[in-house]
Protein backbone atom coordinates (compact mmCIF):
# COMPACT_ATOMS: atom_id res chain seq x y z
CA MET A 1 -183.38 -21.01 -173.62
CA GLU A 2 -182.15 -22.39 -170.31
CA VAL A 3 -183.88 -25.20 -168.44
CA LYS A 4 -183.61 -24.58 -164.72
CA ASP A 5 -185.55 -27.62 -163.56
CA ALA A 6 -185.45 -30.44 -166.09
CA ASN A 7 -188.48 -32.15 -164.57
CA SER A 8 -190.76 -29.14 -165.06
CA ALA A 9 -189.84 -28.11 -168.59
CA LEU A 10 -192.38 -28.39 -171.38
CA LEU A 11 -191.22 -28.76 -174.97
CA SER A 12 -193.20 -27.66 -177.96
CA ASN A 13 -193.52 -29.87 -181.02
CA TYR A 14 -191.33 -27.35 -182.83
CA GLU A 15 -188.50 -27.81 -180.30
CA VAL A 16 -188.75 -31.60 -180.51
CA PHE A 17 -188.81 -31.46 -184.31
CA GLN A 18 -185.69 -29.27 -184.37
CA LEU A 19 -183.85 -31.44 -181.86
CA LEU A 20 -184.55 -34.69 -183.70
CA THR A 21 -183.74 -33.15 -187.07
CA ASP A 22 -180.40 -31.89 -185.71
CA LEU A 23 -179.62 -35.30 -184.18
CA LYS A 24 -180.43 -37.01 -187.47
CA GLU A 25 -178.09 -34.64 -189.35
CA GLN A 26 -175.30 -35.16 -186.79
CA ARG A 27 -175.61 -38.92 -187.19
CA LYS A 28 -175.42 -38.61 -190.97
CA GLU A 29 -172.30 -36.43 -190.74
CA SER A 30 -170.56 -38.74 -188.31
CA GLY A 31 -171.32 -41.72 -190.52
CA LYS A 32 -172.32 -43.94 -187.62
CA ASN A 33 -174.50 -46.86 -188.58
CA LYS A 34 -176.70 -49.08 -186.46
CA HIS A 35 -174.12 -50.92 -184.35
CA ASN A 36 -176.21 -52.38 -181.60
CA SER A 37 -179.85 -52.94 -180.77
CA GLY A 38 -179.94 -49.84 -178.53
CA GLN A 39 -178.81 -47.60 -181.38
CA GLN A 40 -181.20 -49.34 -183.75
CA ASN A 41 -184.08 -48.72 -181.33
CA LEU A 42 -183.11 -45.05 -181.02
CA ASN A 43 -183.01 -44.72 -184.81
CA THR A 44 -186.48 -46.27 -185.07
CA ILE A 45 -187.91 -43.97 -182.41
CA THR A 46 -186.33 -40.93 -184.07
CA TYR A 47 -187.64 -41.95 -187.49
CA GLU A 48 -191.19 -42.64 -186.30
CA THR A 49 -191.36 -39.46 -184.23
CA LEU A 50 -190.09 -37.32 -187.10
CA LYS A 51 -192.51 -39.02 -189.49
CA TYR A 52 -195.45 -38.19 -187.21
CA ILE A 53 -194.41 -34.73 -186.10
CA SER A 54 -193.58 -33.54 -189.61
CA LYS A 55 -197.31 -33.79 -190.41
CA THR A 56 -198.16 -31.25 -187.70
CA PRO A 57 -198.03 -27.44 -187.95
CA CYS A 58 -194.64 -27.36 -186.19
CA ARG A 59 -192.94 -28.10 -189.49
CA HIS A 60 -193.92 -24.60 -190.65
CA GLN A 61 -193.02 -22.79 -187.44
CA SER A 62 -189.90 -20.82 -186.67
CA PRO A 63 -188.42 -19.26 -183.53
CA GLU A 64 -189.91 -15.92 -184.62
CA ILE A 65 -193.43 -17.37 -184.94
CA VAL A 66 -193.14 -19.01 -181.51
CA ARG A 67 -191.85 -15.77 -179.97
CA GLU A 68 -194.65 -13.70 -181.56
CA PHE A 69 -197.23 -16.21 -180.37
CA LEU A 70 -195.99 -16.16 -176.77
CA THR A 71 -195.82 -12.36 -176.77
CA ALA A 72 -199.38 -12.07 -178.06
CA MET A 73 -200.65 -14.60 -175.51
CA LYS A 74 -199.26 -12.67 -172.52
CA SER A 75 -202.42 -10.59 -172.30
CA HIS A 76 -204.53 -13.74 -171.93
CA LYS A 77 -204.40 -15.58 -168.65
CA LEU A 78 -203.50 -18.97 -170.06
CA THR A 79 -201.44 -21.61 -168.31
CA LYS A 80 -198.19 -22.83 -169.85
CA ALA A 81 -199.91 -26.06 -170.82
CA GLU A 82 -202.74 -24.19 -172.58
CA LYS A 83 -200.28 -22.03 -174.51
CA LEU A 84 -198.35 -25.14 -175.48
CA GLN A 85 -201.53 -26.88 -176.62
CA LEU A 86 -202.49 -23.92 -178.80
CA LEU A 87 -198.99 -23.62 -180.23
CA ASN A 88 -198.73 -27.33 -181.03
CA HIS A 89 -202.21 -27.78 -182.43
CA ARG A 90 -202.35 -24.36 -184.10
CA PRO A 91 -206.14 -24.13 -184.43
CA MET A 92 -207.26 -22.26 -187.53
CA THR A 93 -211.00 -22.00 -186.96
CA ALA A 94 -213.23 -20.96 -184.08
CA VAL A 95 -214.49 -24.55 -183.84
CA GLU A 96 -210.98 -25.94 -183.30
CA ILE A 97 -210.27 -23.44 -180.53
CA GLN A 98 -213.53 -24.10 -178.71
CA LEU A 99 -212.23 -26.82 -176.35
CA PRO A 100 -209.07 -25.05 -175.10
CA CYS A 101 -211.05 -21.85 -174.50
CA ALA A 102 -213.88 -23.75 -172.81
CA LEU A 103 -211.34 -25.18 -170.36
CA GLN A 104 -209.98 -21.70 -169.72
CA VAL A 105 -213.45 -20.30 -169.00
CA ARG A 106 -214.28 -23.30 -166.79
CA ARG A 107 -211.18 -22.51 -164.77
CA LYS A 108 -212.66 -18.98 -164.32
CA MET A 109 -209.26 -17.32 -164.38
CA CYS A 110 -210.14 -15.38 -167.47
CA VAL A 111 -213.32 -15.05 -169.47
CA ALA A 112 -211.53 -13.74 -172.54
CA CYS A 113 -213.56 -14.21 -175.66
CA PRO A 114 -212.34 -17.22 -177.66
CA GLU A 115 -212.57 -15.09 -180.82
CA THR A 116 -209.81 -12.85 -179.44
CA VAL A 117 -207.39 -15.74 -179.12
CA CYS A 118 -208.58 -17.27 -182.37
CA SER A 119 -208.04 -14.02 -184.24
CA PHE A 120 -204.37 -14.13 -183.30
CA LEU A 121 -203.99 -17.76 -184.28
CA LEU A 122 -205.43 -17.02 -187.70
CA PHE A 123 -202.85 -14.25 -188.27
CA ALA A 124 -200.03 -16.26 -189.76
CA ASP A 125 -199.98 -18.54 -192.69
CA GLY A 126 -196.71 -19.74 -191.17
CA GLY A 127 -198.76 -21.70 -188.65
CA GLY A 128 -200.91 -23.42 -191.22
CA GLU A 129 -200.09 -26.33 -193.45
């Protein structure tokens, strides 16, 4: 993936989880410890973010699941932010998907039935916990 405009890129929880996990592994391999307060702060932020994000569905996602999701969502007229919200939250019931779909219908770009989108999201156990 190539970011053409760094200010307009959106990252999924999966991408953040992978990045922080890789950084944590690199730091372990290099053997660098907390030398200054800046590094200590970065370590704390990394730890707390990983602790939080590992409780979300992104822990069970993979590049293939993300790719399949985005391919399946092409037929629905969702914004990038809506797709990202669905991917990050990974709703598993019609009730959980009600708000994102209500916003889509309110926008009147597409009146796709929420059940259609929900049926895809229910497809993979890889997205659940």
